[in-house]
Amino acid sequence: MNDEIDEFYMLKKNYMNKKTNRCINCNRAVGTEFKIEYFSDKRILKIDCGDKSNPCDLKKEVTVLKKFNRDDYIKELNEKKKELEDEIMKIKNKLLYELINEKEYNDLYEKMNNEYKIIVKEVETASANVDKEKMKHEAIRNKLSEEIENNLEIDNEDDRIYNLINKIGPISKLYQDNLLLIKEENETYRLKEKI
């Protein structure tokens, strides 16, 4: 996603610096529109052909969530993936019932299939990152438990306090940084790991 954001601002900067009135895609003298739409929970970066009546196929859109929630992001990706699967099935049916010709089908299928491959890759990457985070949290939890058990075996009280401050303290801080306070339905609270 960061690459898409960087691309948006780089294209906008290059376009402004060239002081041109040409579309960056079709090169016609209709301009290119760079828009940012702000919402309470996100902003949307858009790049469109400047021709309102007969635009070319330049239509880029990047959604930037203000509070990044990985679960919501993966859910959104899976919804987009399902939508594309449905659209691919629709155009296959249209071809089957001869509602579109083979050239139209091939053009639409190629475009949708490329989008589908990108979405699948994003889902795989996001899921892999979740797995890495889970492994990291598990390692921190195990290290904290191990250090607490080791601390209980120390006889000298001063050594135990030193170990508590210098070993357990930093690991405990790391562990706490990865916790969320969740409000339950019965108005009680519990801690849950961020993932």
C-alpha atoms as a PDB file:
ATOM      1  CA  MET A   1       0.000   0.000   0.000  1.00  0.00           C
ATOM      2  CA  ASN A   2       2.869   2.413   0.767  1.00  0.00           C
ATOM      3  CA  ASP A   3       4.135   1.944  -2.795  1.00  0.00           C
ATOM      4  CA  GLU A   4       0.742   3.022  -4.153  1.00  0.00           C
ATOM      5  CA  ILE A   5       0.705   6.109  -1.909  1.00  0.00           C
ATOM      6  CA  ASP A   6       4.261   6.981  -2.956  1.00  0.00           C
ATOM      7  CA  GLU A   7       3.322   6.486  -6.617  1.00  0.00           C
ATOM      8  CA  PHE A   8       0.334   8.845  -6.272  1.00  0.00           C
ATOM      9  CA  TYR A   9       2.426  11.667  -4.816  1.00  0.00           C
ATOM     10  CA  MET A  10       5.328  11.072  -7.213  1.00  0.00           C
ATOM     11  CA  LEU A  11       3.011  11.194 -10.259  1.00  0.00           C
ATOM     12  CA  LYS A  12       1.299  14.311  -8.907  1.00  0.00           C
ATOM     13  CA  LYS A  13       4.636  16.043  -8.247  1.00  0.00           C
ATOM     14  CA  ASN A  14       5.991  15.170 -11.704  1.00  0.00           C
ATOM     15  CA  TYR A  15       2.761  16.326 -13.332  1.00  0.00           C
ATOM     16  CA  MET A  16       2.812  19.667 -11.464  1.00  0.00           C
ATOM     17  CA  ASN A  17       6.515  20.214 -12.204  1.00  0.00           C
ATOM     18  CA  LYS A  18       6.021  19.654 -15.940  1.00  0.00           C
ATOM     19  CA  LYS A  19       3.204  22.232 -15.986  1.00  0.00           C
ATOM     20  CA  THR A  20       1.501  20.268 -18.740  1.00  0.00           C
ATOM     21  CA  ASN A  21      -2.147  19.987 -19.693  1.00  0.00           C
ATOM     22  CA  ARG A  22      -1.848  16.420 -20.960  1.00  0.00           C
ATOM     23  CA  CYS A  23      -3.267  13.230 -19.510  1.00  0.00           C
ATOM     24  CA  ILE A  24      -0.448  11.085 -18.102  1.00  0.00           C
ATOM     25  CA  ASN A  25      -2.081   8.007 -19.649  1.00  0.00           C
ATOM     26  CA  CYS A  26      -3.572   8.888 -23.059  1.00  0.00           C
ATOM     27  CA  ASN A  27      -1.397  11.998 -23.615  1.00  0.00           C
ATOM     28  CA  ARG A  28      -4.371  14.031 -24.903  1.00  0.00           C
ATOM     29  CA  ALA A  29      -4.581  17.724 -23.992  1.00  0.00           C
ATOM     30  CA  VAL A  30      -7.318  17.129 -21.398  1.00  0.00           C
ATOM     31  CA  GLY A  31      -5.176  17.132 -18.249  1.00  0.00           C
ATOM     32  CA  THR A  32      -5.025  14.711 -15.335  1.00  0.00           C
ATOM     33  CA  GLU A  33      -6.994  15.066 -12.123  1.00  0.00           C
ATOM     34  CA  PHE A  34      -5.304  14.274  -8.810  1.00  0.00           C
ATOM     35  CA  LYS A  35      -7.899  14.312  -6.023  1.00  0.00           C
ATOM     36  CA  ILE A  36      -7.795  13.540  -2.326  1.00  0.00           C
ATOM     37  CA  GLU A  37     -11.113  12.888  -0.610  1.00  0.00           C
ATOM     38  CA  TYR A  38     -11.174  13.010   3.191  1.00  0.00           C
ATOM     39  CA  PHE A  39     -13.516  10.986   5.392  1.00  0.00           C
ATOM     40  CA  SER A  40     -13.626  10.447   9.152  1.00  0.00           C
ATOM     41  CA  ASP A  41     -11.914   7.054   8.976  1.00  0.00           C
ATOM     42  CA  LYS A  42      -9.982   7.238   5.694  1.00  0.00           C
ATOM     43  CA  ARG A  43      -8.794   9.294   2.770  1.00  0.00           C
ATOM     44  CA  ILE A  44      -8.994   8.295  -0.854  1.00  0.00           C
ATOM     45  CA  LEU A  45      -6.316   9.258  -3.382  1.00  0.00           C
ATOM     46  CA  LYS A  46      -7.636   9.359  -6.966  1.00  0.00           C
ATOM     47  CA  ILE A  47      -6.042   9.847 -10.370  1.00  0.00           C
ATOM     48  CA  ASP A  48      -8.405  10.289 -13.331  1.00  0.00           C
ATOM     49  CA  CYS A  49      -8.209  11.364 -16.950  1.00  0.00           C
ATOM     50  CA  GLY A  50      -9.215  15.029 -17.256  1.00  0.00           C
ATOM     51  CA  ASP A  51     -11.677  14.364 -20.092  1.00  0.00           C
ATOM     52  CA  LYS A  52     -15.139  14.210 -18.477  1.00  0.00           C
ATOM     53  CA  SER A  53     -17.105  13.241 -21.589  1.00  0.00           C
ATOM     54  CA  ASN A  54     -14.744  10.608 -23.047  1.00  0.00           C
ATOM     55  CA  PRO A  55     -12.080   9.662 -20.484  1.00  0.00           C
ATOM     56  CA  CYS A  56      -9.384   7.096 -21.169  1.00  0.00           C
ATOM     57  CA  ASP A  57      -9.010   4.075 -18.875  1.00  0.00           C
ATOM     58  CA  LEU A  58      -6.827   5.960 -16.346  1.00  0.00           C
ATOM     59  CA  LYS A  59      -8.581   5.404 -13.036  1.00  0.00           C
ATOM     60  CA  LYS A  60      -6.369   4.823 -10.024  1.00  0.00           C
ATOM     61  CA  GLU A  61      -7.703   4.849  -6.501  1.00  0.00           C
ATOM     62  CA  VAL A  62      -5.926   4.199  -3.193  1.00  0.00           C
ATOM     63  CA  THR A  63      -7.765   4.044   0.130  1.00  0.00           C
ATOM     64  CA  VAL A  64      -5.702   5.025   3.167  1.00  0.00           C
ATOM     65  CA  LEU A  65      -7.268   4.055   6.480  1.00  0.00           C
ATOM     66  CA  LYS A  66      -6.577   6.463   9.344  1.00  0.00           C
ATOM     67  CA  LYS A  67      -6.529   3.767  11.987  1.00  0.00           C
ATOM     68  CA  PHE A  68      -5.004   0.726  10.359  1.00  0.00           C
ATOM     69  CA  ASN A  69      -6.758  -2.404  11.517  1.00  0.00           C
ATOM     70  CA  ARG A  70      -5.194  -5.448   9.936  1.00  0.00           C
ATOM     71  CA  ASP A  71      -8.301  -7.600  10.433  1.00  0.00           C
ATOM     72  CA  ASP A  72     -10.487  -5.018   8.667  1.00  0.00           C
ATOM     73  CA  TYR A  73      -7.895  -4.675   5.907  1.00  0.00           C
ATOM     74  CA  ILE A  74      -7.788  -8.449   5.296  1.00  0.00           C
ATOM     75  CA  LYS A  75     -11.595  -8.579   5.417  1.00  0.00           C
ATOM     76  CA  GLU A  76     -11.772  -5.743   2.846  1.00  0.00           C
ATOM     77  CA  LEU A  77      -9.262  -7.536   0.604  1.00  0.00           C
ATOM     78  CA  ASN A  78     -11.252 -10.775   0.815  1.00  0.00           C
ATOM     79  CA  GLU A  79     -14.442  -8.895  -0.080  1.00  0.00           C
ATOM     80  CA  LYS A  80     -12.731  -7.359  -3.134  1.00  0.00           C
ATOM     81  CA  LYS A  81     -11.415 -10.802  -4.061  1.00  0.00           C
ATOM     82  CA  LYS A  82     -14.948 -12.284  -3.833  1.00  0.00           C
ATOM     83  CA  GLU A  83     -16.372  -9.404  -5.915  1.00  0.00           C
ATOM     84  CA  LEU A  84     -13.775 -10.024  -8.628  1.00  0.00           C
ATOM     85  CA  GLU A  85     -14.515 -13.758  -8.594  1.00  0.00           C
ATOM     86  CA  ASP A  86     -18.211 -12.957  -9.062  1.00  0.00           C
ATOM     87  CA  GLU A  87     -17.468 -10.518 -11.890  1.00  0.00           C
ATOM     88  CA  ILE A  88     -15.252 -13.075 -13.638  1.00  0.00           C
ATOM     89  CA  MET A  89     -18.047 -15.647 -13.396  1.00  0.00           C
ATOM     90  CA  LYS A  90     -20.531 -13.104 -14.831  1.00  0.00           C
ATOM     91  CA  ILE A  91     -18.385 -12.384 -17.887  1.00  0.00           C
ATOM     92  CA  LYS A  92     -17.800 -16.126 -18.408  1.00  0.00           C
ATOM     93  CA  ASN A  93     -21.573 -16.617 -18.379  1.00  0.00           C
ATOM     94  CA  LYS A  94     -22.021 -13.738 -20.810  1.00  0.00           C
ATOM     95  CA  LEU A  95     -19.561 -15.409 -23.180  1.00  0.00           C
ATOM     96  CA  LEU A  96     -21.257 -18.776 -22.701  1.00  0.00           C
ATOM     97  CA  TYR A  97     -24.654 -17.294 -23.606  1.00  0.00           C
ATOM     98  CA  GLU A  98     -23.096 -15.221 -26.399  1.00  0.00           C
ATOM     99  CA  LEU A  99     -24.027 -11.899 -24.798  1.00  0.00           C
ATOM    100  CA  ILE A 100     -20.486 -10.684 -25.519  1.00  0.00           C
ATOM    101  CA  ASN A 101     -18.021 -11.687 -28.180  1.00  0.00           C
ATOM    102  CA  GLU A 102     -14.724 -13.430 -27.515  1.00  0.00           C
ATOM    103  CA  LYS A 103     -12.613 -10.271 -27.935  1.00  0.00           C
ATOM    104  CA  GLU A 104     -14.696  -8.373 -25.362  1.00  0.00           C
ATOM    105  CA  TYR A 105     -14.453 -11.363 -23.039  1.00  0.00           C
ATOM    106  CA  ASN A 106     -10.671 -11.622 -23.429  1.00  0.00           C
ATOM    107  CA  ASP A 107     -10.189  -7.895 -22.764  1.00  0.00           C
ATOM    108  CA  LEU A 108     -12.427  -7.920 -19.674  1.00  0.00           C
ATOM    109  CA  TYR A 109     -11.020 -11.193 -18.389  1.00  0.00           C
ATOM    110  CA  GLU A 110      -7.414 -10.041 -18.722  1.00  0.00           C
ATOM    111  CA  LYS A 111      -8.119  -6.827 -16.833  1.00  0.00           C
ATOM    112  CA  MET A 112     -10.081  -8.567 -14.045  1.00  0.00           C
ATOM    113  CA  ASN A 113      -7.613 -11.441 -13.802  1.00  0.00           C
ATOM    114  CA  ASN A 114      -4.707  -9.003 -13.344  1.00  0.00           C
ATOM    115  CA  GLU A 115      -6.643  -7.219 -10.556  1.00  0.00           C
ATOM    116  CA  TYR A 116      -7.479 -10.602  -9.030  1.00  0.00           C
ATOM    117  CA  LYS A 117      -3.815 -11.684  -8.966  1.00  0.00           C
ATOM    118  CA  ILE A 118      -2.866  -8.429  -7.206  1.00  0.00           C
ATOM    119  CA  ILE A 119      -5.600  -8.882  -4.576  1.00  0.00           C
ATOM    120  CA  VAL A 120      -4.619 -12.528  -3.970  1.00  0.00           C
ATOM    121  CA  LYS A 121      -0.987 -11.463  -3.481  1.00  0.00           C
ATOM    122  CA  GLU A 122      -2.061  -8.743  -1.012  1.00  0.00           C
ATOM    123  CA  VAL A 123      -4.195 -11.241   0.952  1.00  0.00           C
ATOM    124  CA  GLU A 124      -1.279 -13.687   1.109  1.00  0.00           C
ATOM    125  CA  THR A 125       1.138 -10.943   2.219  1.00  0.00           C
ATOM    126  CA  ALA A 126      -1.228  -9.580   4.878  1.00  0.00           C
ATOM    127  CA  SER A 127      -1.929 -13.099   6.204  1.00  0.00           C
ATOM    128  CA  ALA A 128       1.793 -13.898   6.306  1.00  0.00           C
ATOM    129  CA  ASN A 129       2.388 -10.692   8.287  1.00  0.00           C
ATOM    130  CA  VAL A 130      -0.309 -11.733  10.781  1.00  0.00           C
ATOM    131  CA  ASP A 131       1.429 -15.099  11.204  1.00  0.00           C
ATOM    132  CA  LYS A 132       4.784 -13.379  11.793  1.00  0.00           C
ATOM    133  CA  GLU A 133       3.217 -11.066  14.381  1.00  0.00           C
ATOM    134  CA  LYS A 134       1.625 -14.031  16.168  1.00  0.00           C
ATOM    135  CA  MET A 135       4.994 -15.803  16.293  1.00  0.00           C
ATOM    136  CA  LYS A 136       6.659 -12.641  17.627  1.00  0.00           C
ATOM    137  CA  HIS A 137       3.977 -12.253  20.356  1.00  0.00           C
ATOM    138  CA  GLU A 138       4.315 -15.915  21.284  1.00  0.00           C
ATOM    139  CA  ALA A 139       8.110 -15.569  21.588  1.00  0.00           C
ATOM    140  CA  ILE A 140       7.751 -12.483  23.820  1.00  0.00           C
ATOM    141  CA  ARG A 141       5.183 -14.253  26.023  1.00  0.00           C
ATOM    142  CA  ASN A 142       7.415 -17.340  26.344  1.00  0.00           C
ATOM    143  CA  LYS A 143      10.491 -15.250  27.169  1.00  0.00           C
ATOM    144  CA  LEU A 144       8.539 -13.325  29.818  1.00  0.00           C
ATOM    145  CA  SER A 145       7.276 -16.559  31.430  1.00  0.00           C
ATOM    146  CA  GLU A 146      10.792 -18.012  31.400  1.00  0.00           C
ATOM    147  CA  GLU A 147      12.314 -14.924  33.033  1.00  0.00           C
ATOM    148  CA  ILE A 148       9.590 -14.839  35.711  1.00  0.00           C
ATOM    149  CA  GLU A 149      10.257 -18.514  36.542  1.00  0.00           C
ATOM    150  CA  ASN A 150      14.016 -17.845  36.645  1.00  0.00           C
ATOM    151  CA  ASN A 151      13.453 -14.870  38.929  1.00  0.00           C
ATOM    152  CA  LEU A 152      11.526 -17.013  41.428  1.00  0.00           C
ATOM    153  CA  GLU A 153      14.556 -19.297  41.753  1.00  0.00           C
ATOM    154  CA  ILE A 154      16.902 -16.468  42.799  1.00  0.00           C
ATOM    155  CA  ASP A 155      17.510 -16.616  46.574  1.00  0.00           C
ATOM    156  CA  ASN A 156      19.099 -13.219  47.148  1.00  0.00           C
ATOM    157  CA  GLU A 157      16.412 -10.522  47.330  1.00  0.00           C
ATOM    158  CA  ASP A 158      18.674  -7.793  45.865  1.00  0.00           C
ATOM    159  CA  ASP A 159      19.577 -10.014  42.916  1.00  0.00           C
ATOM    160  CA  ARG A 160      15.898 -10.841  42.408  1.00  0.00           C
ATOM    161  CA  ILE A 161      14.961  -7.112  42.344  1.00  0.00           C
ATOM    162  CA  TYR A 162      17.861  -6.349  39.975  1.00  0.00           C
ATOM    163  CA  ASN A 163      16.712  -9.180  37.655  1.00  0.00           C
ATOM    164  CA  LEU A 164      13.119  -7.983  37.884  1.00  0.00           C
ATOM    165  CA  ILE A 165      14.054  -4.420  36.875  1.00  0.00           C
ATOM    166  CA  ASN A 166      16.673  -5.183  34.215  1.00  0.00           C
ATOM    167  CA  LYS A 167      15.408  -8.375  32.573  1.00  0.00           C
ATOM    168  CA  ILE A 168      11.724  -8.814  33.279  1.00  0.00           C
ATOM    169  CA  GLY A 169      10.864  -5.089  33.091  1.00  0.00           C
ATOM    170  CA  PRO A 170      11.868  -4.528  29.436  1.00  0.00           C
ATOM    171  CA  ILE A 171      10.278  -7.817  28.295  1.00  0.00           C
ATOM    172  CA  SER A 172       7.114  -6.968  30.245  1.00  0.00           C
ATOM    173  CA  LYS A 173       7.009  -3.545  28.548  1.00  0.00           C
ATOM    174  CA  LEU A 174       7.294  -5.212  25.123  1.00  0.00           C
ATOM    175  CA  TYR A 175       4.506  -7.611  26.037  1.00  0.00           C
ATOM    176  CA  GLN A 176       2.244  -4.816  27.339  1.00  0.00           C
ATOM    177  CA  ASP A 177       2.812  -2.743  24.203  1.00  0.00           C
ATOM    178  CA  ASN A 178       1.165  -5.570  22.265  1.00  0.00           C
ATOM    179  CA  LEU A 179      -2.022  -5.675  24.355  1.00  0.00           C
ATOM    180  CA  LEU A 180      -5.374  -3.956  23.821  1.00  0.00           C
ATOM    181  CA  LEU A 181      -8.004  -3.269  26.451  1.00  0.00           C
ATOM    182  CA  ILE A 182     -11.254  -4.754  25.157  1.00  0.00           C
ATOM    183  CA  LYS A 183     -14.663  -3.809  26.558  1.00  0.00           C
ATOM    184  CA  GLU A 184     -16.848  -6.875  26.941  1.00  0.00           C
ATOM    185  CA  GLU A 185     -20.626  -6.911  26.490  1.00  0.00           C
ATOM    186  CA  ASN A 186     -21.140  -7.239  30.254  1.00  0.00           C
ATOM    187  CA  GLU A 187     -19.296  -3.931  30.839  1.00  0.00           C
ATOM    188  CA  THR A 188     -16.122  -5.646  32.034  1.00  0.00           C
ATOM    189  CA  TYR A 189     -12.712  -5.235  30.449  1.00  0.00           C
ATOM    190  CA  ARG A 190     -10.062  -7.733  29.410  1.00  0.00           C
ATOM    191  CA  LEU A 191      -6.684  -7.595  27.723  1.00  0.00           C
ATOM    192  CA  LYS A 192      -6.203  -8.994  24.234  1.00  0.00           C
ATOM    193  CA  GLU A 193      -3.076  -9.250  22.112  1.00  0.00           C
ATOM    194  CA  LYS A 194      -2.814  -6.861  19.171  1.00  0.00           C
ATOM    195  CA  ILE A 195      -2.469  -8.766  15.931  1.00  0.00           C
END
